[in-house]
Amino acid sequence: MYLLQTVGIECPYCAEQIEIVVDASIGQQQYIEDCSVCCRPIYLTVSVSDRRDIQVQVLDEDDS
């Protein structure tokens, strides 16, 4: 299993499908990444299980 994983998400602003890179060696993380299409800030909460299953919660600035 690679520690850096590419995950597809949907931008909460423009609804485009984009890819982010997640560090799977960190179990719980929160950060902001700009959409590569509309450049608006996406608030991400990433959870990585012991089996390296990755779950990403995507929020816009109003929901964060």
PDB file of N, CA and C in Angstrom:
ATOM      1  N   MET A   1       0.851  -1.183   0.000  1.00  0.00           N
ATOM      2  CA  MET A   1       0.000   0.000   0.000  1.00  0.00           C
ATOM      3  C   MET A   1       0.887   1.233   0.000  1.00  0.00           C
ATOM      4  N   TYR A   2       0.622   2.130  -0.919  1.00  0.00           N
ATOM      5  CA  TYR A   2       1.361   3.383  -0.986  1.00  0.00           C
ATOM      6  C   TYR A   2       0.832   4.343   0.063  1.00  0.00           C
ATOM      7  N   LEU A   3       1.726   5.124   0.657  1.00  0.00           N
ATOM      8  CA  LEU A   3       1.299   6.050   1.697  1.00  0.00           C
ATOM      9  C   LEU A   3       0.581   7.270   1.128  1.00  0.00           C
ATOM     10  N   LEU A   4       0.922   7.669  -0.085  1.00  0.00           N
ATOM     11  CA  LEU A   4       0.200   8.757  -0.738  1.00  0.00           C
ATOM     12  C   LEU A   4      -0.817   8.150  -1.692  1.00  0.00           C
ATOM     13  N   GLN A   5      -2.094   8.462  -1.459  1.00  0.00           N
ATOM     14  CA  GLN A   5      -3.179   7.909  -2.261  1.00  0.00           C
ATOM     15  C   GLN A   5      -3.945   9.045  -2.937  1.00  0.00           C
ATOM     16  N   THR A   6      -4.358   8.817  -4.168  1.00  0.00           N
ATOM     17  CA  THR A   6      -5.190   9.769  -4.887  1.00  0.00           C
ATOM     18  C   THR A   6      -6.652   9.409  -4.646  1.00  0.00           C
ATOM     19  N   VAL A   7      -7.438  10.418  -4.253  1.00  0.00           N
ATOM     20  CA  VAL A   7      -8.849  10.218  -3.940  1.00  0.00           C
ATOM     21  C   VAL A   7      -9.666  11.221  -4.757  1.00  0.00           C
ATOM     22  N   GLY A   8     -10.744  10.756  -5.363  1.00  0.00           N
ATOM     23  CA  GLY A   8     -11.641  11.640  -6.103  1.00  0.00           C
ATOM     24  C   GLY A   8     -12.703  12.214  -5.194  1.00  0.00           C
ATOM     25  N   ILE A   9     -12.922  13.533  -5.288  1.00  0.00           N
ATOM     26  CA  ILE A   9     -13.964  14.198  -4.515  1.00  0.00           C
ATOM     27  C   ILE A   9     -14.744  15.126  -5.445  1.00  0.00           C
ATOM     28  N   GLU A  10     -15.875  15.603  -4.968  1.00  0.00           N
ATOM     29  CA  GLU A  10     -16.662  16.587  -5.711  1.00  0.00           C
ATOM     30  C   GLU A  10     -16.561  17.927  -5.005  1.00  0.00           C
ATOM     31  N   CYS A  11     -16.209  18.960  -5.747  1.00  0.00           N
ATOM     32  CA  CYS A  11     -16.117  20.302  -5.176  1.00  0.00           C
ATOM     33  C   CYS A  11     -17.510  20.739  -4.718  1.00  0.00           C
ATOM     34  N   PRO A  12     -17.631  21.245  -3.481  1.00  0.00           N
ATOM     35  CA  PRO A  12     -18.943  21.678  -2.983  1.00  0.00           C
ATOM     36  C   PRO A  12     -19.438  22.977  -3.622  1.00  0.00           C
ATOM     37  N   TYR A  13     -18.591  23.654  -4.355  1.00  0.00           N
ATOM     38  CA  TYR A  13     -18.974  24.916  -5.006  1.00  0.00           C
ATOM     39  C   TYR A  13     -19.374  24.713  -6.458  1.00  0.00           C
ATOM     40  N   CYS A  14     -18.455  24.133  -7.249  1.00  0.00           N
ATOM     41  CA  CYS A  14     -18.698  24.033  -8.691  1.00  0.00           C
ATOM     42  C   CYS A  14     -19.138  22.636  -9.125  1.00  0.00           C
ATOM     43  N   ALA A  15     -19.163  21.681  -8.203  1.00  0.00           N
ATOM     44  CA  ALA A  15     -19.612  20.301  -8.429  1.00  0.00           C
ATOM     45  C   ALA A  15     -18.735  19.524  -9.416  1.00  0.00           C
ATOM     46  N   GLU A  16     -17.537  20.025  -9.702  1.00  0.00           N
ATOM     47  CA  GLU A  16     -16.608  19.288 -10.559  1.00  0.00           C
ATOM     48  C   GLU A  16     -15.939  18.173  -9.768  1.00  0.00           C
ATOM     49  N   GLN A  17     -15.657  17.071 -10.451  1.00  0.00           N
ATOM     50  CA  GLN A  17     -14.907  15.978  -9.850  1.00  0.00           C
ATOM     51  C   GLN A  17     -13.426  16.333  -9.932  1.00  0.00           C
ATOM     52  N   ILE A  18     -12.747  16.349  -8.781  1.00  0.00           N
ATOM     53  CA  ILE A  18     -11.324  16.633  -8.751  1.00  0.00           C
ATOM     54  C   ILE A  18     -10.623  15.553  -7.944  1.00  0.00           C
ATOM     55  N   GLU A  19      -9.319  15.475  -8.072  1.00  0.00           N
ATOM     56  CA  GLU A  19      -8.543  14.504  -7.317  1.00  0.00           C
ATOM     57  C   GLU A  19      -7.657  15.228  -6.321  1.00  0.00           C
ATOM     58  N   ILE A  20      -7.575  14.655  -5.119  1.00  0.00           N
ATOM     59  CA  ILE A  20      -6.669  15.152  -4.095  1.00  0.00           C
ATOM     60  C   ILE A  20      -5.720  14.027  -3.720  1.00  0.00           C
ATOM     61  N   VAL A  21      -4.590  14.383  -3.157  1.00  0.00           N
ATOM     62  CA  VAL A  21      -3.631  13.393  -2.692  1.00  0.00           C
ATOM     63  C   VAL A  21      -3.704  13.365  -1.177  1.00  0.00           C
ATOM     64  N   VAL A  22      -3.886  12.165  -0.626  1.00  0.00           N
ATOM     65  CA  VAL A  22      -4.042  11.966   0.812  1.00  0.00           C
ATOM     66  C   VAL A  22      -2.859  11.161   1.332  1.00  0.00           C
ATOM     67  N   ASP A  23      -2.290  11.610   2.452  1.00  0.00           N
ATOM     68  CA  ASP A  23      -1.228  10.870   3.121  1.00  0.00           C
ATOM     69  C   ASP A  23      -1.883   9.811   4.005  1.00  0.00           C
ATOM     70  N   ALA A  24      -1.841   8.569   3.581  1.00  0.00           N
ATOM     71  CA  ALA A  24      -2.522   7.476   4.291  1.00  0.00           C
ATOM     72  C   ALA A  24      -1.777   7.027   5.547  1.00  0.00           C
ATOM     73  N   SER A  25      -0.631   7.615   5.838  1.00  0.00           N
ATOM     74  CA  SER A  25       0.093   7.248   7.056  1.00  0.00           C
ATOM     75  C   SER A  25      -0.432   8.013   8.269  1.00  0.00           C
ATOM     76  N   ILE A  26      -1.291   9.004   8.043  1.00  0.00           N
ATOM     77  CA  ILE A  26      -1.861   9.807   9.129  1.00  0.00           C
ATOM     78  C   ILE A  26      -3.321   9.404   9.301  1.00  0.00           C
ATOM     79  N   GLY A  27      -3.697   8.962  10.484  1.00  0.00           N
ATOM     80  CA  GLY A  27      -5.034   8.427  10.723  1.00  0.00           C
ATOM     81  C   GLY A  27      -6.154   9.438  10.609  1.00  0.00           C
ATOM     82  N   GLN A  28      -5.963  10.625  11.164  1.00  0.00           N
ATOM     83  CA  GLN A  28      -7.006  11.658  11.162  1.00  0.00           C
ATOM     84  C   GLN A  28      -6.346  12.981  10.813  1.00  0.00           C
ATOM     85  N   GLN A  29      -6.913  13.691   9.855  1.00  0.00           N
ATOM     86  CA  GLN A  29      -6.333  14.970   9.456  1.00  0.00           C
ATOM     87  C   GLN A  29      -7.404  15.922   8.953  1.00  0.00           C
ATOM     88  N   GLN A  30      -7.160  17.203   9.143  1.00  0.00           N
ATOM     89  CA  GLN A  30      -8.045  18.249   8.643  1.00  0.00           C
ATOM     90  C   GLN A  30      -7.182  19.297   7.969  1.00  0.00           C
ATOM     91  N   TYR A  31      -7.609  19.727   6.795  1.00  0.00           N
ATOM     92  CA  TYR A  31      -6.873  20.772   6.105  1.00  0.00           C
ATOM     93  C   TYR A  31      -7.746  21.410   5.042  1.00  0.00           C
ATOM     94  N   ILE A  32      -7.248  22.486   4.467  1.00  0.00           N
ATOM     95  CA  ILE A  32      -7.947  23.222   3.422  1.00  0.00           C
ATOM     96  C   ILE A  32      -7.165  23.073   2.134  1.00  0.00           C
ATOM     97  N   GLU A  33      -7.877  22.756   1.062  1.00  0.00           N
ATOM     98  CA  GLU A  33      -7.256  22.655  -0.250  1.00  0.00           C
ATOM     99  C   GLU A  33      -8.145  23.391  -1.251  1.00  0.00           C
ATOM    100  N   ASP A  34      -7.545  24.191  -2.095  1.00  0.00           N
ATOM    101  CA  ASP A  34      -8.311  24.936  -3.092  1.00  0.00           C
ATOM    102  C   ASP A  34      -8.723  24.019  -4.234  1.00  0.00           C
ATOM    103  N   CYS A  35      -9.932  24.227  -4.730  1.00  0.00           N
ATOM    104  CA  CYS A  35     -10.416  23.483  -5.891  1.00  0.00           C
ATOM    105  C   CYS A  35      -9.544  23.831  -7.095  1.00  0.00           C
ATOM    106  N   SER A  36      -9.131  22.843  -7.842  1.00  0.00           N
ATOM    107  CA  SER A  36      -8.281  23.073  -9.012  1.00  0.00           C
ATOM    108  C   SER A  36      -9.068  23.648 -10.185  1.00  0.00           C
ATOM    109  N   VAL A  37     -10.407  23.691 -10.085  1.00  0.00           N
ATOM    110  CA  VAL A  37     -11.239  24.243 -11.157  1.00  0.00           C
ATOM    111  C   VAL A  37     -11.676  25.673 -10.824  1.00  0.00           C
ATOM    112  N   CYS A  38     -12.335  25.866  -9.676  1.00  0.00           N
ATOM    113  CA  CYS A  38     -12.881  27.183  -9.342  1.00  0.00           C
ATOM    114  C   CYS A  38     -12.046  27.949  -8.321  1.00  0.00           C
ATOM    115  N   CYS A  39     -11.021  27.308  -7.747  1.00  0.00           N
ATOM    116  CA  CYS A  39     -10.063  27.941  -6.812  1.00  0.00           C
ATOM    117  C   CYS A  39     -10.655  28.329  -5.465  1.00  0.00           C
ATOM    118  N   ARG A  40     -11.821  27.846  -5.117  1.00  0.00           N
ATOM    119  CA  ARG A  40     -12.423  28.154  -3.816  1.00  0.00           C
ATOM    120  C   ARG A  40     -11.897  27.169  -2.777  1.00  0.00           C
ATOM    121  N   PRO A  41     -11.855  27.571  -1.494  1.00  0.00           N
ATOM    122  CA  PRO A  41     -11.288  26.713  -0.451  1.00  0.00           C
ATOM    123  C   PRO A  41     -12.235  25.583  -0.042  1.00  0.00           C
ATOM    124  N   ILE A  42     -11.732  24.368  -0.085  1.00  0.00           N
ATOM    125  CA  ILE A  42     -12.497  23.189   0.332  1.00  0.00           C
ATOM    126  C   ILE A  42     -11.925  22.719   1.671  1.00  0.00           C
ATOM    127  N   TYR A  43     -12.784  22.575   2.651  1.00  0.00           N
ATOM    128  CA  TYR A  43     -12.384  22.113   3.981  1.00  0.00           C
ATOM    129  C   TYR A  43     -12.529  20.592   4.005  1.00  0.00           C
ATOM    130  N   LEU A  44     -11.420  19.905   4.251  1.00  0.00           N
ATOM    131  CA  LEU A  44     -11.387  18.447   4.185  1.00  0.00           C
ATOM    132  C   LEU A  44     -11.106  17.847   5.550  1.00  0.00           C
ATOM    133  N   THR A  45     -11.852  16.811   5.896  1.00  0.00           N
ATOM    134  CA  THR A  45     -11.560  15.975   7.050  1.00  0.00           C
ATOM    135  C   THR A  45     -11.327  14.575   6.504  1.00  0.00           C
ATOM    136  N   VAL A  46     -10.131  14.058   6.746  1.00  0.00           N
ATOM    137  CA  VAL A  46      -9.739  12.767   6.196  1.00  0.00           C
ATOM    138  C   VAL A  46      -9.527  11.783   7.344  1.00  0.00           C
ATOM    139  N   SER A  47     -10.120  10.590   7.209  1.00  0.00           N
ATOM    140  CA  SER A  47      -9.945   9.509   8.178  1.00  0.00           C
ATOM    141  C   SER A  47      -9.401   8.296   7.444  1.00  0.00           C
ATOM    142  N   VAL A  48      -8.349   7.713   8.018  1.00  0.00           N
ATOM    143  CA  VAL A  48      -7.746   6.511   7.439  1.00  0.00           C
ATOM    144  C   VAL A  48      -7.843   5.410   8.482  1.00  0.00           C
ATOM    145  N   SER A  49      -8.503   4.307   8.116  1.00  0.00           N
ATOM    146  CA  SER A  49      -8.672   3.190   9.056  1.00  0.00           C
ATOM    147  C   SER A  49      -7.392   2.364   9.132  1.00  0.00           C
ATOM    148  N   ASP A  50      -7.378   1.421  10.059  1.00  0.00           N
ATOM    149  CA  ASP A  50      -6.229   0.522  10.202  1.00  0.00           C
ATOM    150  C   ASP A  50      -5.979  -0.286   8.937  1.00  0.00           C
ATOM    151  N   ARG A  51      -7.048  -0.516   8.167  1.00  0.00           N
ATOM    152  CA  ARG A  51      -6.929  -1.266   6.907  1.00  0.00           C
ATOM    153  C   ARG A  51      -6.619  -0.349   5.736  1.00  0.00           C
ATOM    154  N   ARG A  52      -6.330   0.927   6.039  1.00  0.00           N
ATOM    155  CA  ARG A  52      -5.995   1.940   5.027  1.00  0.00           C
ATOM    156  C   ARG A  52      -7.180   2.332   4.148  1.00  0.00           C
ATOM    157  N   ASP A  53      -8.412   2.113   4.656  1.00  0.00           N
ATOM    158  CA  ASP A  53      -9.597   2.631   3.967  1.00  0.00           C
ATOM    159  C   ASP A  53      -9.656   4.129   4.232  1.00  0.00           C
ATOM    160  N   ILE A  54      -9.850   4.904   3.175  1.00  0.00           N
ATOM    161  CA  ILE A  54      -9.825   6.360   3.289  1.00  0.00           C
ATOM    162  C   ILE A  54     -11.236   6.914   3.130  1.00  0.00           C
ATOM    163  N   GLN A  55     -11.639   7.761   4.088  1.00  0.00           N
ATOM    164  CA  GLN A  55     -12.921   8.448   4.013  1.00  0.00           C
ATOM    165  C   GLN A  55     -12.635   9.946   4.067  1.00  0.00           C
ATOM    166  N   VAL A  56     -13.260  10.697   3.160  1.00  0.00           N
ATOM    167  CA  VAL A  56     -13.045  12.133   3.089  1.00  0.00           C
ATOM    168  C   VAL A  56     -14.383  12.846   3.239  1.00  0.00           C
ATOM    169  N   GLN A  57     -14.443  13.783   4.179  1.00  0.00           N
ATOM    170  CA  GLN A  57     -15.616  14.641   4.328  1.00  0.00           C
ATOM    171  C   GLN A  57     -15.262  15.988   3.716  1.00  0.00           C
ATOM    172  N   VAL A  58     -16.119  16.480   2.831  1.00  0.00           N
ATOM    173  CA  VAL A  58     -15.882  17.703   2.084  1.00  0.00           C
ATOM    174  C   VAL A  58     -16.893  18.758   2.520  1.00  0.00           C
ATOM    175  N   LEU A  59     -16.399  19.937   2.918  1.00  0.00           N
ATOM    176  CA  LEU A  59     -17.277  21.022   3.342  1.00  0.00           C
ATOM    177  C   LEU A  59     -16.876  22.317   2.649  1.00  0.00           C
ATOM    178  N   ASP A  60     -17.867  23.197   2.443  1.00  0.00           N
ATOM    179  CA  ASP A  60     -17.533  24.533   1.945  1.00  0.00           C
ATOM    180  C   ASP A  60     -17.339  25.452   3.135  1.00  0.00           C
ATOM    181  N   GLU A  61     -16.982  26.707   2.884  1.00  0.00           N
ATOM    182  CA  GLU A  61     -16.669  27.616   3.990  1.00  0.00           C
ATOM    183  C   GLU A  61     -17.892  27.942   4.849  1.00  0.00           C
ATOM    184  N   ASP A  62     -19.100  27.790   4.348  1.00  0.00           N
ATOM    185  CA  ASP A  62     -20.293  28.023   5.146  1.00  0.00           C
ATOM    186  C   ASP A  62     -20.581  26.886   6.108  1.00  0.00           C
ATOM    187  N   ASP A  63     -20.170  25.664   5.753  1.00  0.00           N
ATOM    188  CA  ASP A  63     -20.436  24.486   6.575  1.00  0.00           C
ATOM    189  C   ASP A  63     -19.322  24.184   7.562  1.00  0.00           C
ATOM    190  N   SER A  64     -18.155  24.760   7.369  1.00  0.00           N
ATOM    191  CA  SER A  64     -17.007  24.420   8.212  1.00  0.00           C
ATOM    192  C   SER A  64     -17.095  25.001   9.601  1.00  0.00           C
TER     193      SER A  64
END
